[in-house]
PDB file of N, CA and C in Angstrom:
ATOM      1  N   MET A   1      -2.591  -7.604 -22.677  1.00  0.00           N
ATOM      2  CA  MET A   1      -1.833  -8.827 -22.526  1.00  0.00           C
ATOM      3  C   MET A   1      -0.368  -8.504 -22.260  1.00  0.00           C
ATOM      4  N   ALA A   2       0.183  -7.547 -23.007  1.00  0.00           N
ATOM      5  CA  ALA A   2       1.582  -7.176 -22.816  1.00  0.00           C
ATOM      6  C   ALA A   2       1.807  -6.605 -21.423  1.00  0.00           C
ATOM      7  N   LEU A   3       0.840  -5.846 -20.910  1.00  0.00           N
ATOM      8  CA  LEU A   3       0.949  -5.285 -19.565  1.00  0.00           C
ATOM      9  C   LEU A   3       0.979  -6.402 -18.531  1.00  0.00           C
ATOM     10  N   MET A   4       0.139  -7.405 -18.689  1.00  0.00           N
ATOM     11  CA  MET A   4       0.123  -8.531 -17.758  1.00  0.00           C
ATOM     12  C   MET A   4       1.463  -9.267 -17.768  1.00  0.00           C
ATOM     13  N   GLU A   5       2.036  -9.483 -18.947  1.00  0.00           N
ATOM     14  CA  GLU A   5       3.332 -10.152 -19.049  1.00  0.00           C
ATOM     15  C   GLU A   5       4.414  -9.313 -18.397  1.00  0.00           C
ATOM     16  N   SER A   6       4.352  -8.010 -18.602  1.00  0.00           N
ATOM     17  CA  SER A   6       5.339  -7.100 -18.038  1.00  0.00           C
ATOM     18  C   SER A   6       5.249  -7.079 -16.523  1.00  0.00           C
ATOM     19  N   GLU A   7       4.035  -7.028 -15.981  1.00  0.00           N
ATOM     20  CA  GLU A   7       3.836  -6.936 -14.540  1.00  0.00           C
ATOM     21  C   GLU A   7       4.030  -8.267 -13.823  1.00  0.00           C
ATOM     22  N   SER A   8       3.992  -9.376 -14.543  1.00  0.00           N
ATOM     23  CA  SER A   8       4.087 -10.674 -13.889  1.00  0.00           C
ATOM     24  C   SER A   8       5.441 -10.899 -13.233  1.00  0.00           C
ATOM     25  N   GLY A   9       6.470 -10.197 -13.671  1.00  0.00           N
ATOM     26  CA  GLY A   9       7.789 -10.333 -13.081  1.00  0.00           C
ATOM     27  C   GLY A   9       8.076  -9.296 -12.014  1.00  0.00           C
ATOM     28  N   LEU A  10       7.044  -8.562 -11.601  1.00  0.00           N
ATOM     29  CA  LEU A  10       7.236  -7.502 -10.620  1.00  0.00           C
ATOM     30  C   LEU A  10       6.747  -7.943  -9.248  1.00  0.00           C
ATOM     31  N   CYS A  11       7.396  -7.454  -8.214  1.00  0.00           N
ATOM     32  CA  CYS A  11       6.934  -7.688  -6.845  1.00  0.00           C
ATOM     33  C   CYS A  11       5.609  -6.955  -6.656  1.00  0.00           C
ATOM     34  N   GLY A  12       4.647  -7.633  -6.098  1.00  0.00           N
ATOM     35  CA  GLY A  12       3.330  -7.034  -5.872  1.00  0.00           C
ATOM     36  C   GLY A  12       3.329  -5.937  -4.828  1.00  0.00           C
ATOM     37  N   ASP A  13       4.371  -5.885  -4.001  1.00  0.00           N
ATOM     38  CA  ASP A  13       4.433  -4.845  -2.970  1.00  0.00           C
ATOM     39  C   ASP A  13       5.242  -3.639  -3.421  1.00  0.00           C
ATOM     40  N   CYS A  14       6.472  -3.845  -3.849  1.00  0.00           N
ATOM     41  CA  CYS A  14       7.342  -2.704  -4.171  1.00  0.00           C
ATOM     42  C   CYS A  14       7.391  -2.373  -5.652  1.00  0.00           C
ATOM     43  N   GLY A  15       6.994  -3.294  -6.518  1.00  0.00           N
ATOM     44  CA  GLY A  15       6.966  -3.029  -7.943  1.00  0.00           C
ATOM     45  C   GLY A  15       8.290  -3.223  -8.660  1.00  0.00           C
ATOM     46  N   HIS A  16       9.328  -3.641  -7.953  1.00  0.00           N
ATOM     47  CA  HIS A  16      10.632  -3.874  -8.584  1.00  0.00           C
ATOM     48  C   HIS A  16      10.665  -5.272  -9.206  1.00  0.00           C
ATOM     49  N   LEU A  17      11.599  -5.466 -10.124  1.00  0.00           N
ATOM     50  CA  LEU A  17      11.727  -6.742 -10.812  1.00  0.00           C
ATOM     51  C   LEU A  17      12.167  -7.844  -9.859  1.00  0.00           C
ATOM     52  N   LEU A  18      11.368  -8.895  -9.775  1.00  0.00           N
ATOM     53  CA  LEU A  18      11.696 -10.012  -8.901  1.00  0.00           C
ATOM     54  C   LEU A  18      12.974 -10.717  -9.332  1.00  0.00           C
ATOM     55  N   SER A  19      13.250 -10.726 -10.630  1.00  0.00           N
ATOM     56  CA  SER A  19      14.470 -11.384 -11.107  1.00  0.00           C
ATOM     57  C   SER A  19      15.721 -10.693 -10.571  1.00  0.00           C
ATOM     58  N   GLU A  20      15.609  -9.436 -10.211  1.00  0.00           N
ATOM     59  CA  GLU A  20      16.735  -8.704  -9.626  1.00  0.00           C
ATOM     60  C   GLU A  20      16.670  -8.701  -8.100  1.00  0.00           C
ATOM     61  N   THR A  21      15.492  -8.471  -7.558  1.00  0.00           N
ATOM     62  CA  THR A  21      15.370  -8.271  -6.106  1.00  0.00           C
ATOM     63  C   THR A  21      15.483  -9.556  -5.301  1.00  0.00           C
ATOM     64  N   THR A  22      15.328 -10.702  -5.942  1.00  0.00           N
ATOM     65  CA  THR A  22      15.413 -11.972  -5.224  1.00  0.00           C
ATOM     66  C   THR A  22      16.803 -12.586  -5.259  1.00  0.00           C
ATOM     67  N   GLN A  23      17.736 -11.941  -5.924  1.00  0.00           N
ATOM     68  CA  GLN A  23      19.115 -12.431  -5.969  1.00  0.00           C
ATOM     69  C   GLN A  23      19.781 -12.222  -4.613  1.00  0.00           C
ATOM     70  N   ALA A  24      20.585 -13.162  -4.189  1.00  0.00           N
ATOM     71  CA  ALA A  24      21.251 -13.070  -2.886  1.00  0.00           C
ATOM     72  C   ALA A  24      22.089 -11.800  -2.767  1.00  0.00           C
ATOM     73  N   GLU A  25      22.751 -11.405  -3.838  1.00  0.00           N
ATOM     74  CA  GLU A  25      23.603 -10.211  -3.782  1.00  0.00           C
ATOM     75  C   GLU A  25      22.810  -8.907  -3.688  1.00  0.00           C
ATOM     76  N   ALA A  26      21.502  -8.968  -3.836  1.00  0.00           N
ATOM     77  CA  ALA A  26      20.668  -7.768  -3.757  1.00  0.00           C
ATOM     78  C   ALA A  26      20.178  -7.500  -2.335  1.00  0.00           C
ATOM     79  N   GLU A  27      20.567  -8.331  -1.374  1.00  0.00           N
ATOM     80  CA  GLU A  27      20.026  -8.215  -0.021  1.00  0.00           C
ATOM     81  C   GLU A  27      20.186  -6.822   0.576  1.00  0.00           C
ATOM     82  N   PHE A  28      21.314  -6.176   0.378  1.00  0.00           N
ATOM     83  CA  PHE A  28      21.532  -4.845   0.942  1.00  0.00           C
ATOM     84  C   PHE A  28      21.656  -3.779  -0.153  1.00  0.00           C
ATOM     85  N   ALA A  29      21.114  -4.069  -1.333  1.00  0.00           N
ATOM     86  CA  ALA A  29      21.226  -3.151  -2.469  1.00  0.00           C
ATOM     87  C   ALA A  29      20.110  -2.111  -2.503  1.00  0.00           C
ATOM     88  N   TYR A  30      19.147  -2.228  -1.627  1.00  0.00           N
ATOM     89  CA  TYR A  30      17.993  -1.323  -1.642  1.00  0.00           C
ATOM     90  C   TYR A  30      17.872  -0.586  -0.319  1.00  0.00           C
ATOM     91  N   ASP A  31      17.260   0.557  -0.383  1.00  0.00           N
ATOM     92  CA  ASP A  31      16.955   1.338   0.802  1.00  0.00           C
ATOM     93  C   ASP A  31      15.483   1.718   0.713  1.00  0.00           C
ATOM     94  N   ALA A  32      14.944   2.305   1.722  1.00  0.00           N
ATOM     95  CA  ALA A  32      13.531   2.678   1.720  1.00  0.00           C
ATOM     96  C   ALA A  32      13.346   3.960   2.504  1.00  0.00           C
ATOM     97  N   SER A  33      12.269   4.629   2.215  1.00  0.00           N
ATOM     98  CA  SER A  33      11.920   5.827   2.969  1.00  0.00           C
ATOM     99  C   SER A  33      10.470   5.695   3.417  1.00  0.00           C
ATOM    100  N   ILE A  34      10.132   6.441   4.415  1.00  0.00           N
ATOM    101  CA  ILE A  34       8.768   6.437   4.932  1.00  0.00           C
ATOM    102  C   ILE A  34       8.188   7.838   4.771  1.00  0.00           C
ATOM    103  N   THR A  35       6.991   7.880   4.262  1.00  0.00           N
ATOM    104  CA  THR A  35       6.272   9.130   4.102  1.00  0.00           C
ATOM    105  C   THR A  35       4.894   8.954   4.719  1.00  0.00           C
ATOM    106  N   LYS A  36       4.473   9.912   5.486  1.00  0.00           N
ATOM    107  CA  LYS A  36       3.139   9.830   6.081  1.00  0.00           C
ATOM    108  C   LYS A  36       2.173  10.666   5.249  1.00  0.00           C
ATOM    109  N   CYS A  37       1.176  10.018   4.729  1.00  0.00           N
ATOM    110  CA  CYS A  37       0.105  10.698   4.003  1.00  0.00           C
ATOM    111  C   CYS A  37      -0.999  10.990   5.014  1.00  0.00           C
ATOM    112  N   HIS A  38      -1.243  12.234   5.274  1.00  0.00           N
ATOM    113  CA  HIS A  38      -2.237  12.604   6.276  1.00  0.00           C
ATOM    114  C   HIS A  38      -3.662  12.289   5.828  1.00  0.00           C
ATOM    115  N   ALA A  39      -3.894  12.215   4.523  1.00  0.00           N
ATOM    116  CA  ALA A  39      -5.212  11.805   4.036  1.00  0.00           C
ATOM    117  C   ALA A  39      -5.442  10.324   4.357  1.00  0.00           C
ATOM    118  N   CYS A  40      -4.421   9.482   4.121  1.00  0.00           N
ATOM    119  CA  CYS A  40      -4.537   8.059   4.456  1.00  0.00           C
ATOM    120  C   CYS A  40      -4.662   7.869   5.959  1.00  0.00           C
ATOM    121  N   LEU A  41      -3.965   8.680   6.726  1.00  0.00           N
ATOM    122  CA  LEU A  41      -4.052   8.612   8.180  1.00  0.00           C
ATOM    123  C   LEU A  41      -5.482   8.890   8.647  1.00  0.00           C
ATOM    124  N   ALA A  42      -6.130   9.879   8.042  1.00  0.00           N
ATOM    125  CA  ALA A  42      -7.518  10.194   8.391  1.00  0.00           C
ATOM    126  C   ALA A  42      -8.415   8.995   8.096  1.00  0.00           C
ATOM    127  N   GLY A  43      -8.192   8.339   6.964  1.00  0.00           N
ATOM    128  CA  GLY A  43      -8.972   7.158   6.618  1.00  0.00           C
ATOM    129  C   GLY A  43      -8.741   6.024   7.606  1.00  0.00           C
ATOM    130  N   ALA A  44      -7.491   5.805   7.987  1.00  0.00           N
ATOM    131  CA  ALA A  44      -7.153   4.746   8.940  1.00  0.00           C
ATOM    132  C   ALA A  44      -7.781   5.023  10.308  1.00  0.00           C
ATOM    133  N   ARG A  45      -7.777   6.286  10.713  1.00  0.00           N
ATOM    134  CA  ARG A  45      -8.409   6.646  11.983  1.00  0.00           C
ATOM    135  C   ARG A  45      -9.909   6.386  11.953  1.00  0.00           C
ATOM    136  N   ARG A  46     -10.515   6.685  10.829  1.00  0.00           N
ATOM    137  CA  ARG A  46     -11.967   6.479  10.708  1.00  0.00           C
ATOM    138  C   ARG A  46     -12.302   5.002  10.752  1.00  0.00           C
ATOM    139  N   VAL A  47     -11.486   4.162  10.084  1.00  0.00           N
ATOM    140  CA  VAL A  47     -11.702   2.715  10.106  1.00  0.00           C
ATOM    141  C   VAL A  47     -11.522   2.183  11.525  1.00  0.00           C
ATOM    142  N   ALA A  48     -10.489   2.657  12.238  1.00  0.00           N
ATOM    143  CA  ALA A  48     -10.253   2.216  13.613  1.00  0.00           C
ATOM    144  C   ALA A  48     -11.450   2.567  14.503  1.00  0.00           C
ATOM    145  N   ALA A  49     -11.996   3.766  14.343  1.00  0.00           N
ATOM    146  CA  ALA A  49     -13.167   4.177  15.131  1.00  0.00           C
ATOM    147  C   ALA A  49     -14.366   3.299  14.795  1.00  0.00           C
ATOM    148  N   HIS A  50     -14.529   2.976  13.532  1.00  0.00           N
ATOM    149  CA  HIS A  50     -15.622   2.106  13.082  1.00  0.00           C
ATOM    150  C   HIS A  50     -15.493   0.732  13.742  1.00  0.00           C
ATOM    151  N   GLN A  51     -14.276   0.189  13.783  1.00  0.00           N
ATOM    152  CA  GLN A  51     -14.042  -1.115  14.410  1.00  0.00           C
ATOM    153  C   GLN A  51     -14.281  -1.061  15.916  1.00  0.00           C
ATOM    154  N   GLU A  52     -13.829   0.007  16.553  1.00  0.00           N
ATOM    155  CA  GLU A  52     -14.029   0.153  17.993  1.00  0.00           C
ATOM    156  C   GLU A  52     -15.510   0.212  18.356  1.00  0.00           C
ATOM    157  N   ASP A  53     -16.321   0.726  17.441  1.00  0.00           N
ATOM    158  CA  ASP A  53     -17.773   0.782  17.648  1.00  0.00           C
ATOM    159  C   ASP A  53     -18.451  -0.536  17.288  1.00  0.00           C
ATOM    160  N   GLY A  54     -17.649  -1.559  16.965  1.00  0.00           N
ATOM    161  CA  GLY A  54     -18.196  -2.867  16.638  1.00  0.00           C
ATOM    162  C   GLY A  54     -18.478  -3.078  15.174  1.00  0.00           C
ATOM    163  N   GLY A  55     -18.086  -2.126  14.325  1.00  0.00           N
ATOM    164  CA  GLY A  55     -18.327  -2.250  12.892  1.00  0.00           C
ATOM    165  C   GLY A  55     -17.412  -3.255  12.233  1.00  0.00           C
ATOM    166  N   LYS A  56     -17.929  -3.928  11.242  1.00  0.00           N
ATOM    167  CA  LYS A  56     -17.162  -4.900  10.463  1.00  0.00           C
ATOM    168  C   LYS A  56     -16.438  -4.186   9.320  1.00  0.00           C
ATOM    169  N   THR A  57     -15.310  -4.731   8.887  1.00  0.00           N
ATOM    170  CA  THR A  57     -14.540  -4.095   7.823  1.00  0.00           C
ATOM    171  C   THR A  57     -14.646  -4.821   6.488  1.00  0.00           C
ATOM    172  N   GLU A  58     -15.303  -5.981   6.448  1.00  0.00           N
ATOM    173  CA  GLU A  58     -15.453  -6.700   5.191  1.00  0.00           C
ATOM    174  C   GLU A  58     -16.203  -5.842   4.185  1.00  0.00           C
ATOM    175  N   GLY A  59     -15.603  -5.636   3.032  1.00  0.00           N
ATOM    176  CA  GLY A  59     -16.232  -4.859   1.974  1.00  0.00           C
ATOM    177  C   GLY A  59     -16.238  -3.357   2.199  1.00  0.00           C
ATOM    178  N   LEU A  60     -15.626  -2.928   3.258  1.00  0.00           N
ATOM    179  CA  LEU A  60     -15.611  -1.505   3.598  1.00  0.00           C
ATOM    180  C   LEU A  60     -14.751  -0.720   2.606  1.00  0.00           C
ATOM    181  N   LYS A  61     -15.282   0.349   2.095  1.00  0.00           N
ATOM    182  CA  LYS A  61     -14.542   1.270   1.227  1.00  0.00           C
ATOM    183  C   LYS A  61     -14.480   2.605   1.952  1.00  0.00           C
ATOM    184  N   VAL A  62     -13.330   3.242   1.913  1.00  0.00           N
ATOM    185  CA  VAL A  62     -13.153   4.495   2.631  1.00  0.00           C
ATOM    186  C   VAL A  62     -12.956   5.618   1.619  1.00  0.00           C
ATOM    187  N   SER A  63     -13.741   6.650   1.743  1.00  0.00           N
ATOM    188  CA  SER A  63     -13.588   7.846   0.916  1.00  0.00           C
ATOM    189  C   SER A  63     -12.964   8.933   1.781  1.00  0.00           C
ATOM    190  N   VAL A  64     -11.867   9.480   1.327  1.00  0.00           N
ATOM    191  CA  VAL A  64     -11.181  10.541   2.065  1.00  0.00           C
ATOM    192  C   VAL A  64     -11.370  11.836   1.296  1.00  0.00           C
ATOM    193  N   PHE A  65     -11.724  12.886   2.018  1.00  0.00           N
ATOM    194  CA  PHE A  65     -11.940  14.187   1.374  1.00  0.00           C
ATOM    195  C   PHE A  65     -11.282  15.267   2.229  1.00  0.00           C
ATOM    196  N   ARG A  66     -10.908  16.321   1.562  1.00  0.00           N
ATOM    197  CA  ARG A  66     -10.291  17.437   2.251  1.00  0.00           C
ATOM    198  C   ARG A  66     -11.376  18.280   2.918  1.00  0.00           C
ATOM    199  N   ARG A  67     -11.185  18.605   4.190  1.00  0.00           N
ATOM    200  CA  ARG A  67     -12.132  19.451   4.908  1.00  0.00           C
ATOM    201  C   ARG A  67     -12.115  20.860   4.339  1.00  0.00           C
ATOM    202  N   GLU A  68     -13.256  21.479   4.365  1.00  0.00           N
ATOM    203  CA  GLU A  68     -13.313  22.879   3.929  1.00  0.00           C
ATOM    204  C   GLU A  68     -12.700  23.732   5.018  1.00  0.00           C
ATOM    205  N   ARG A  69     -11.978  24.715   4.605  1.00  0.00           N
ATOM    206  CA  ARG A  69     -11.285  25.583   5.568  1.00  0.00           C
ATOM    207  C   ARG A  69     -12.161  26.711   6.011  1.00  0.00           C
TER     208      ARG A  69
END
Protein backbone atom coordinates (compact mmCIF):
# COMPACT_ATOMS: atom_id res chain seq x y z
CA MET A 1 0.00 0.00 0.00
CA ALA A 2 2.81 2.41 0.89
CA LEU A 3 4.51 1.66 -2.44
CA MET A 4 1.31 2.47 -4.34
CA GLU A 5 0.96 5.79 -2.47
CA SER A 6 4.60 6.60 -3.14
CA GLU A 7 4.40 5.77 -6.85
CA SER A 8 1.08 7.55 -7.41
CA GLY A 9 2.86 10.91 -7.54
CA LEU A 10 5.41 9.74 -10.08
CA CYS A 11 5.36 10.18 -13.85
CA GLY A 12 4.64 6.82 -15.46
CA ASP A 13 7.26 7.47 -18.14
CA CYS A 14 10.27 9.07 -16.45
CA GLY A 15 9.60 8.22 -12.81
CA HIS A 16 10.18 11.76 -11.51
CA LEU A 17 7.81 13.48 -9.09
CA LEU A 18 4.90 15.04 -10.95
CA SER A 19 4.56 17.71 -8.26
CA GLU A 20 7.99 18.98 -9.33
CA THR A 21 8.08 18.17 -13.05
CA THR A 22 4.74 19.79 -13.87
CA GLN A 23 5.69 23.20 -12.47
CA ALA A 24 6.10 25.91 -15.11
CA GLU A 25 9.58 26.78 -13.83
CA ALA A 26 10.71 23.18 -14.41
CA GLU A 27 10.28 23.41 -18.19
CA PHE A 28 14.03 23.64 -18.90
CA ALA A 29 15.26 22.12 -15.62
CA TYR A 30 15.77 18.63 -17.03
CA ASP A 31 17.97 17.07 -19.65
CA ALA A 32 17.96 13.61 -21.18
CA SER A 33 20.32 11.14 -22.73
CA ILE A 34 19.80 8.38 -25.24
CA THR A 35 21.28 4.94 -24.90
CA LYS A 36 20.85 2.17 -27.42
CA CYS A 37 20.37 -1.27 -25.93
CA HIS A 38 21.37 -3.75 -28.61
CA ALA A 39 19.36 -6.51 -26.93
CA CYS A 40 16.19 -4.38 -27.19
CA LEU A 41 17.11 -3.52 -30.77
CA ALA A 42 17.26 -7.24 -31.62
CA GLY A 43 13.80 -7.69 -30.11
CA ALA A 44 12.41 -4.71 -32.04
CA ARG A 45 13.87 -6.07 -35.28
CA ARG A 46 12.28 -9.44 -34.66
CA VAL A 47 8.87 -7.85 -33.99
CA ALA A 48 9.18 -5.75 -37.17
CA ALA A 49 9.97 -8.89 -39.21
CA HIS A 50 7.00 -10.66 -37.62
CA GLN A 51 4.71 -7.76 -38.61
CA GLU A 52 6.10 -7.63 -42.14
CA ASP A 53 5.23 -11.32 -42.48
CA GLY A 54 1.64 -10.47 -41.53
CA GLY A 55 1.93 -11.46 -37.88
CA LYS A 56 -0.21 -9.80 -35.25
CA THR A 57 1.37 -8.18 -32.19
CA GLU A 58 -1.54 -8.45 -29.74
CA GLY A 59 -0.34 -10.41 -26.74
CA LEU A 60 3.09 -10.87 -28.25
CA LYS A 61 5.91 -11.38 -25.75
CA VAL A 62 9.50 -11.13 -26.91
CA SER A 63 12.32 -13.11 -25.34
CA VAL A 64 15.80 -11.77 -26.06
CA PHE A 65 18.83 -13.99 -25.55
CA ARG A 66 22.51 -13.60 -26.15
CA ARG A 67 23.82 -15.59 -29.11
CA GLU A 68 26.48 -18.16 -28.40
CA ARG A 69 29.84 -17.08 -29.67
